[in-house]
Amino acid sequence: MTRTIHLSLDVNRHRYELDVEPRVTLLDALREQLGLTGTKKGCDQGQCGACTVHLDGKRVLACLTLAAQVEGQEVTTIEGLASDNGDLHPVQAAFLDHDAFQCGYCTPGQIMSAVALIREGGAMTDEEIREAMAGNLCRCGAYNHIVAAVRQAAEMAR
């Protein structure tokens, strides 16, 4: 018999009750239990950044975080960034303005990382943006467009 634990997760300003095995990652709980598939499963080893989400406003890799670890904290996924009326977050809008995606697979993780970076106040120069976003890989090589989008959103936030 498989043992499960009951969790109350606060995700994107909503509370969810679910039963999961103790070893279930936040990534798998979001995608498989809650149907929030915007957070992508890339390497599943914490090396690509595709699964970046916010935990109490700080970026974390959902593939390396157990769902049970986040109870009592606010999880924000790419689905939770837009305003309640559907307006895009400024970083999402900047990604569109700068065509900062190609295949789009890494885009949710890139955006989540960029939002946290701007909130942290670290997106001042292109070099700082590149350094701070180094954990988010883009196989298509849209890095120059991503940096331009982050720079635009950071300038708007100041």
C-alpha atoms as a PDB file:
ATOM      1  CA  MET A   1       0.000   0.000   0.000  1.00  0.00           C
ATOM      2  CA  THR A   2       1.301   3.444  -0.955  1.00  0.00           C
ATOM      3  CA  ARG A   3       1.340   5.965   1.849  1.00  0.00           C
ATOM      4  CA  THR A   4       0.000   9.448   1.101  1.00  0.00           C
ATOM      5  CA  ILE A   5       0.011  12.702   2.997  1.00  0.00           C
ATOM      6  CA  HIS A   6      -2.648  15.399   2.921  1.00  0.00           C
ATOM      7  CA  LEU A   7      -1.496  18.885   1.919  1.00  0.00           C
ATOM      8  CA  SER A   8      -3.092  22.295   1.741  1.00  0.00           C
ATOM      9  CA  LEU A   9      -1.223  24.237  -0.929  1.00  0.00           C
ATOM     10  CA  ASP A  10      -1.664  27.929  -1.629  1.00  0.00           C
ATOM     11  CA  VAL A  11      -1.035  28.328  -5.348  1.00  0.00           C
ATOM     12  CA  ASN A  12      -1.759  31.467  -7.371  1.00  0.00           C
ATOM     13  CA  ARG A  13      -3.975  32.947  -4.628  1.00  0.00           C
ATOM     14  CA  HIS A  14      -6.089  29.777  -4.339  1.00  0.00           C
ATOM     15  CA  ARG A  15      -6.017  27.019  -1.743  1.00  0.00           C
ATOM     16  CA  TYR A  16      -5.866  23.431  -2.953  1.00  0.00           C
ATOM     17  CA  GLU A  17      -6.324  20.292  -0.877  1.00  0.00           C
ATOM     18  CA  LEU A  18      -4.564  17.212  -2.202  1.00  0.00           C
ATOM     19  CA  ASP A  19      -3.202  13.855  -1.184  1.00  0.00           C
ATOM     20  CA  VAL A  20       0.251  12.960  -2.492  1.00  0.00           C
ATOM     21  CA  GLU A  21       3.028  10.528  -1.812  1.00  0.00           C
ATOM     22  CA  PRO A  22       5.663  12.110   0.468  1.00  0.00           C
ATOM     23  CA  ARG A  23       8.289  12.076  -2.296  1.00  0.00           C
ATOM     24  CA  VAL A  24       6.181  13.974  -4.878  1.00  0.00           C
ATOM     25  CA  THR A  25       7.909  17.101  -6.113  1.00  0.00           C
ATOM     26  CA  LEU A  26       6.205  20.451  -6.300  1.00  0.00           C
ATOM     27  CA  LEU A  27       6.619  20.262 -10.082  1.00  0.00           C
ATOM     28  CA  ASP A  28       4.704  16.990 -10.328  1.00  0.00           C
ATOM     29  CA  ALA A  29       2.004  18.160  -7.897  1.00  0.00           C
ATOM     30  CA  LEU A  30       1.479  21.342  -9.927  1.00  0.00           C
ATOM     31  CA  ARG A  31       1.356  19.575 -13.274  1.00  0.00           C
ATOM     32  CA  GLU A  32      -0.309  16.261 -12.446  1.00  0.00           C
ATOM     33  CA  GLN A  33      -2.514  17.009  -9.438  1.00  0.00           C
ATOM     34  CA  LEU A  34      -3.490  20.647 -10.092  1.00  0.00           C
ATOM     35  CA  GLY A  35      -3.330  20.741 -13.903  1.00  0.00           C
ATOM     36  CA  LEU A  36      -1.022  23.783 -13.923  1.00  0.00           C
ATOM     37  CA  THR A  37       1.099  22.722 -16.872  1.00  0.00           C
ATOM     38  CA  GLY A  38       2.673  26.116 -17.557  1.00  0.00           C
ATOM     39  CA  THR A  39       5.550  25.100 -15.305  1.00  0.00           C
ATOM     40  CA  LYS A  40       7.664  22.887 -17.537  1.00  0.00           C
ATOM     41  CA  LYS A  41       9.515  19.684 -16.784  1.00  0.00           C
ATOM     42  CA  GLY A  42      12.881  20.006 -18.462  1.00  0.00           C
ATOM     43  CA  CYS A  43      15.848  18.175 -17.004  1.00  0.00           C
ATOM     44  CA  ASP A  44      14.142  17.139 -13.724  1.00  0.00           C
ATOM     45  CA  GLN A  45      17.563  17.643 -12.080  1.00  0.00           C
ATOM     46  CA  GLY A  46      17.625  21.374 -11.305  1.00  0.00           C
ATOM     47  CA  GLN A  47      19.944  22.305 -14.143  1.00  0.00           C
ATOM     48  CA  CYS A  48      17.738  23.973 -16.779  1.00  0.00           C
ATOM     49  CA  GLY A  49      15.390  26.342 -14.937  1.00  0.00           C
ATOM     50  CA  ALA A  50      12.291  25.370 -16.936  1.00  0.00           C
ATOM     51  CA  CYS A  51      10.441  24.602 -13.694  1.00  0.00           C
ATOM     52  CA  THR A  52      11.133  27.931 -11.966  1.00  0.00           C
ATOM     53  CA  VAL A  53       8.269  29.094  -9.743  1.00  0.00           C
ATOM     54  CA  HIS A  54       8.063  31.557  -6.858  1.00  0.00           C
ATOM     55  CA  LEU A  55       7.843  30.453  -3.267  1.00  0.00           C
ATOM     56  CA  ASP A  56       6.890  33.412  -1.082  1.00  0.00           C
ATOM     57  CA  GLY A  57       8.211  35.636  -3.873  1.00  0.00           C
ATOM     58  CA  LYS A  58      11.581  33.949  -4.245  1.00  0.00           C
ATOM     59  CA  ARG A  59      12.467  31.794  -7.224  1.00  0.00           C
ATOM     60  CA  VAL A  60      12.853  28.078  -6.653  1.00  0.00           C
ATOM     61  CA  LEU A  61      13.200  25.051  -8.874  1.00  0.00           C
ATOM     62  CA  ALA A  62      10.001  23.054  -8.518  1.00  0.00           C
ATOM     63  CA  CYS A  63      11.703  19.824  -9.609  1.00  0.00           C
ATOM     64  CA  LEU A  64      14.008  19.973  -6.555  1.00  0.00           C
ATOM     65  CA  THR A  65      11.330  20.995  -4.070  1.00  0.00           C
ATOM     66  CA  LEU A  66       9.047  18.479  -2.396  1.00  0.00           C
ATOM     67  CA  ALA A  67       5.381  19.437  -2.397  1.00  0.00           C
ATOM     68  CA  ALA A  68       5.264  18.757   1.338  1.00  0.00           C
ATOM     69  CA  GLN A  69       7.942  21.420   1.916  1.00  0.00           C
ATOM     70  CA  VAL A  70       5.787  24.274   0.640  1.00  0.00           C
ATOM     71  CA  GLU A  71       2.731  23.894   2.829  1.00  0.00           C
ATOM     72  CA  GLY A  72       2.016  27.252   4.450  1.00  0.00           C
ATOM     73  CA  GLN A  73       3.887  29.207   1.771  1.00  0.00           C
ATOM     74  CA  GLU A  74       2.520  31.001  -1.298  1.00  0.00           C
ATOM     75  CA  VAL A  75       3.422  29.348  -4.587  1.00  0.00           C
ATOM     76  CA  THR A  76       3.165  31.413  -7.760  1.00  0.00           C
ATOM     77  CA  THR A  77       3.372  29.818 -11.187  1.00  0.00           C
ATOM     78  CA  ILE A  78       3.335  31.380 -14.634  1.00  0.00           C
ATOM     79  CA  GLU A  79      -0.469  31.016 -14.589  1.00  0.00           C
ATOM     80  CA  GLY A  80      -0.607  33.278 -11.533  1.00  0.00           C
ATOM     81  CA  LEU A  81       1.394  36.208 -12.924  1.00  0.00           C
ATOM     82  CA  ALA A  82      -1.298  37.935 -14.944  1.00  0.00           C
ATOM     83  CA  SER A  83      -3.639  40.247 -13.057  1.00  0.00           C
ATOM     84  CA  ASP A  84      -7.099  39.079 -12.080  1.00  0.00           C
ATOM     85  CA  ASN A  85      -8.561  41.001 -15.039  1.00  0.00           C
ATOM     86  CA  GLY A  86      -6.237  39.151 -17.435  1.00  0.00           C
ATOM     87  CA  ASP A  87      -3.680  41.909 -18.054  1.00  0.00           C
ATOM     88  CA  LEU A  88      -0.231  40.475 -18.663  1.00  0.00           C
ATOM     89  CA  HIS A  89       2.510  41.018 -16.125  1.00  0.00           C
ATOM     90  CA  PRO A  90       5.013  43.625 -17.434  1.00  0.00           C
ATOM     91  CA  VAL A  91       7.649  40.912 -17.913  1.00  0.00           C
ATOM     92  CA  GLN A  92       5.233  38.819 -19.974  1.00  0.00           C
ATOM     93  CA  ALA A  93       4.439  41.879 -22.098  1.00  0.00           C
ATOM     94  CA  ALA A  94       8.149  42.650 -22.528  1.00  0.00           C
ATOM     95  CA  PHE A  95       8.807  39.074 -23.701  1.00  0.00           C
ATOM     96  CA  LEU A  96       6.160  39.572 -26.375  1.00  0.00           C
ATOM     97  CA  ASP A  97       7.544  43.013 -27.318  1.00  0.00           C
ATOM     98  CA  HIS A  98      11.055  41.619 -27.785  1.00  0.00           C
ATOM     99  CA  ASP A  99      10.136  38.240 -29.269  1.00  0.00           C
ATOM    100  CA  ALA A 100      12.047  36.683 -26.373  1.00  0.00           C
ATOM    101  CA  PHE A 101      11.054  33.125 -27.181  1.00  0.00           C
ATOM    102  CA  GLN A 102      11.294  30.730 -30.056  1.00  0.00           C
ATOM    103  CA  CYS A 103       9.986  27.283 -29.233  1.00  0.00           C
ATOM    104  CA  GLY A 104       8.576  28.686 -25.975  1.00  0.00           C
ATOM    105  CA  TYR A 105       9.420  25.717 -23.785  1.00  0.00           C
ATOM    106  CA  CYS A 106      11.768  27.642 -21.490  1.00  0.00           C
ATOM    107  CA  THR A 107       9.677  30.824 -21.541  1.00  0.00           C
ATOM    108  CA  PRO A 108       7.629  30.248 -18.350  1.00  0.00           C
ATOM    109  CA  GLY A 109      10.779  29.544 -16.319  1.00  0.00           C
ATOM    110  CA  GLN A 110      12.597  32.474 -17.923  1.00  0.00           C
ATOM    111  CA  ILE A 111       9.721  34.821 -17.101  1.00  0.00           C
ATOM    112  CA  MET A 112       9.389  33.594 -13.524  1.00  0.00           C
ATOM    113  CA  SER A 113      13.117  34.016 -13.004  1.00  0.00           C
ATOM    114  CA  ALA A 114      13.064  37.500 -14.550  1.00  0.00           C
ATOM    115  CA  VAL A 115      10.149  38.650 -12.361  1.00  0.00           C
ATOM    116  CA  ALA A 116      12.018  37.578  -9.224  1.00  0.00           C
ATOM    117  CA  LEU A 117      15.257  39.122 -10.459  1.00  0.00           C
ATOM    118  CA  ILE A 118      13.567  42.482 -11.027  1.00  0.00           C
ATOM    119  CA  ARG A 119      11.853  42.268  -7.636  1.00  0.00           C
ATOM    120  CA  GLU A 120      15.268  41.600  -6.070  1.00  0.00           C
ATOM    121  CA  GLY A 121      16.567  44.781  -7.738  1.00  0.00           C
ATOM    122  CA  GLY A 122      19.318  42.936  -9.594  1.00  0.00           C
ATOM    123  CA  ALA A 123      18.480  43.703 -13.224  1.00  0.00           C
ATOM    124  CA  MET A 124      20.553  46.807 -13.805  1.00  0.00           C
ATOM    125  CA  THR A 125      22.950  45.999 -16.642  1.00  0.00           C
ATOM    126  CA  ASP A 126      22.859  43.439 -19.420  1.00  0.00           C
ATOM    127  CA  GLU A 127      25.766  41.610 -17.783  1.00  0.00           C
ATOM    128  CA  GLU A 128      23.945  41.454 -14.425  1.00  0.00           C
ATOM    129  CA  ILE A 129      20.848  40.157 -16.173  1.00  0.00           C
ATOM    130  CA  ARG A 130      22.847  37.454 -17.983  1.00  0.00           C
ATOM    131  CA  GLU A 131      24.564  36.409 -14.752  1.00  0.00           C
ATOM    132  CA  ALA A 132      21.345  36.296 -12.729  1.00  0.00           C
ATOM    133  CA  MET A 133      19.481  34.401 -15.458  1.00  0.00           C
ATOM    134  CA  ALA A 134      22.299  31.900 -16.081  1.00  0.00           C
ATOM    135  CA  GLY A 135      20.328  29.105 -14.404  1.00  0.00           C
ATOM    136  CA  ASN A 136      17.623  29.312 -17.057  1.00  0.00           C
ATOM    137  CA  LEU A 137      18.675  27.638 -20.278  1.00  0.00           C
ATOM    138  CA  CYS A 138      17.249  28.364 -23.723  1.00  0.00           C
ATOM    139  CA  ARG A 139      18.062  25.690 -26.267  1.00  0.00           C
ATOM    140  CA  CYS A 140      16.960  27.971 -29.105  1.00  0.00           C
ATOM    141  CA  GLY A 141      19.456  30.670 -28.141  1.00  0.00           C
ATOM    142  CA  ALA A 142      17.057  33.586 -27.697  1.00  0.00           C
ATOM    143  CA  TYR A 143      19.283  35.046 -24.967  1.00  0.00           C
ATOM    144  CA  ASN A 144      19.757  38.511 -26.516  1.00  0.00           C
ATOM    145  CA  HIS A 145      15.991  38.921 -26.833  1.00  0.00           C
ATOM    146  CA  ILE A 146      15.468  37.651 -23.281  1.00  0.00           C
ATOM    147  CA  VAL A 147      18.006  40.152 -21.906  1.00  0.00           C
ATOM    148  CA  ALA A 148      16.335  42.991 -23.835  1.00  0.00           C
ATOM    149  CA  ALA A 149      12.927  41.995 -22.447  1.00  0.00           C
ATOM    150  CA  VAL A 150      14.208  41.816 -18.874  1.00  0.00           C
ATOM    151  CA  ARG A 151      15.957  45.174 -19.275  1.00  0.00           C
ATOM    152  CA  GLN A 152      12.746  46.781 -20.583  1.00  0.00           C
ATOM    153  CA  ALA A 153      10.637  45.364 -17.743  1.00  0.00           C
ATOM    154  CA  ALA A 154      13.246  46.385 -15.147  1.00  0.00           C
ATOM    155  CA  GLU A 155      13.324  49.946 -16.508  1.00  0.00           C
ATOM    156  CA  MET A 156       9.524  50.106 -16.339  1.00  0.00           C
ATOM    157  CA  ALA A 157       9.606  48.858 -12.721  1.00  0.00           C
ATOM    158  CA  ARG A 158      12.003  51.584 -11.577  1.00  0.00           C
END
